[in-house]
Amino acid sequence: MTKICFIQKNGRNVGFVISGHTGKAEYGKDILCSAISASSQMAVLAITEVAMEKADVKMKDGFLSLMLSKPTKQTDLVLTSLQKTLEAICANEKKYVKLEVRNDI
């Protein structure tokens, strides 16, 4: 199962953590896992390479996280877009994906 957690602070997205493989299909053929991975990696690149914002990014097999110490309107837009994208991709996949939003004040 893949677990996705978006972290918000003061109503603004400040990061996410994605861990695990969905297990919907065999490794290398799992299009659900691939869609989650491609979408989240695009968001990381949009924030770090396009918007040129500093972020703490960690990536290894089955794990990707991004945390911002200073979120901006641009980064919030990217992370909110990622959140909406993953909600749509995972809407009917509750057996394979758990998505939550955590509010840190």
Protein backbone atom coordinates (compact mmCIF):
# COMPACT_ATOMS: atom_id res chain seq x y z
CA MET A 1 0.00 0.00 0.00
CA THR A 2 1.12 3.55 -0.73
CA LYS A 3 0.61 6.13 1.98
CA ILE A 4 0.43 9.79 0.98
CA CYS A 5 0.44 12.56 3.55
CA PHE A 6 0.25 16.25 2.73
CA ILE A 7 1.39 18.56 5.50
CA GLN A 8 -0.21 21.97 5.93
CA LYS A 9 0.69 24.82 8.23
CA ASN A 10 -1.46 27.91 8.69
CA GLY A 11 -3.67 26.78 5.80
CA ARG A 12 -0.78 26.46 3.36
CA ASN A 13 0.82 23.29 2.01
CA VAL A 14 4.38 22.96 3.27
CA GLY A 15 5.25 19.45 2.10
CA PHE A 16 4.35 15.83 1.56
CA VAL A 17 5.53 12.32 2.33
CA ILE A 18 4.81 9.38 0.03
CA SER A 19 5.86 5.89 1.06
CA GLY A 20 5.36 2.34 -0.10
CA HIS A 21 4.37 0.62 -3.32
CA THR A 22 0.71 0.21 -4.20
CA GLY A 23 0.94 -3.50 -4.96
CA LYS A 24 -1.80 -3.21 -7.56
CA ALA A 25 0.38 -4.92 -10.16
CA GLU A 26 3.81 -6.48 -10.29
CA TYR A 27 6.83 -4.22 -9.88
CA GLY A 28 7.58 -2.36 -13.11
CA LYS A 29 4.03 -2.80 -14.44
CA ASP A 30 2.07 -0.96 -11.78
CA ILE A 31 0.58 2.05 -13.56
CA LEU A 32 -1.03 3.37 -10.35
CA CYS A 33 2.35 3.48 -8.61
CA SER A 34 3.87 5.01 -11.74
CA ALA A 35 1.24 7.77 -11.90
CA ILE A 36 1.81 8.67 -8.24
CA SER A 37 5.57 8.68 -8.71
CA ALA A 38 5.57 10.72 -11.93
CA SER A 39 3.15 13.32 -10.55
CA SER A 40 5.05 13.78 -7.30
CA GLN A 41 8.46 13.95 -8.99
CA MET A 42 7.11 16.60 -11.37
CA ALA A 43 6.00 18.67 -8.37
CA VAL A 44 9.44 18.35 -6.78
CA LEU A 45 11.09 19.56 -9.99
CA ALA A 46 8.59 22.41 -10.37
CA ILE A 47 9.45 23.65 -6.89
CA THR A 48 13.22 23.07 -6.87
CA GLU A 49 14.22 23.54 -10.52
CA VAL A 50 11.58 25.89 -11.98
CA ALA A 51 10.55 28.05 -9.01
CA MET A 52 14.10 27.67 -7.59
CA GLU A 53 12.80 27.31 -4.02
CA LYS A 54 14.85 25.58 -1.34
CA ALA A 55 13.31 22.35 -0.13
CA ASP A 56 14.39 19.35 1.89
CA VAL A 57 13.86 16.47 -0.55
CA LYS A 58 14.44 12.82 0.29
CA MET A 59 14.06 10.06 -2.28
CA LYS A 60 14.76 6.34 -2.28
CA ASP A 61 12.94 3.27 -3.53
CA GLY A 62 9.34 3.52 -2.39
CA PHE A 63 9.81 6.85 -0.63
CA LEU A 64 9.66 10.53 -1.59
CA SER A 65 9.29 13.52 0.69
CA LEU A 66 9.51 17.26 0.26
CA MET A 67 9.41 19.81 3.07
CA LEU A 68 9.60 23.58 2.78
CA SER A 69 10.74 25.87 5.56
CA LYS A 70 9.44 28.95 3.74
CA PRO A 71 6.39 28.14 1.59
CA THR A 72 5.33 30.69 -1.00
CA LYS A 73 2.22 31.20 -3.11
CA GLN A 74 4.03 29.40 -5.95
CA THR A 75 4.94 26.37 -3.86
CA ASP A 76 1.45 26.22 -2.37
CA LEU A 77 -0.01 26.26 -5.89
CA VAL A 78 2.26 23.38 -6.97
CA LEU A 79 1.56 21.30 -3.84
CA THR A 80 -2.19 21.95 -3.97
CA SER A 81 -2.17 20.91 -7.64
CA LEU A 82 -0.30 17.73 -6.71
CA GLN A 83 -2.76 17.04 -3.91
CA LYS A 84 -5.77 17.44 -6.24
CA THR A 85 -4.07 15.32 -8.91
CA LEU A 86 -3.33 12.48 -6.49
CA GLU A 87 -6.83 12.68 -5.01
CA ALA A 88 -8.24 12.19 -8.52
CA ILE A 89 -5.81 9.38 -9.42
CA CYS A 90 -6.44 7.55 -6.14
CA ALA A 91 -10.17 8.20 -5.76
CA ASN A 92 -11.19 4.62 -6.56
CA GLU A 93 -8.02 2.92 -5.30
CA LYS A 94 -8.59 2.83 -1.53
CA LYS A 95 -7.38 -0.77 -1.41
CA TYR A 96 -3.96 0.36 -2.66
CA VAL A 97 -3.56 3.99 -1.52
CA LYS A 98 -4.26 5.97 1.63
CA LEU A 99 -4.19 9.76 1.27
CA GLU A 100 -4.42 12.12 4.22
CA VAL A 101 -3.85 15.77 5.02
CA ARG A 102 -2.21 16.66 8.32
CA ASN A 103 -2.44 20.13 9.77
CA ASP A 104 0.59 21.23 11.77
CA ILE A 105 0.06 24.52 13.55
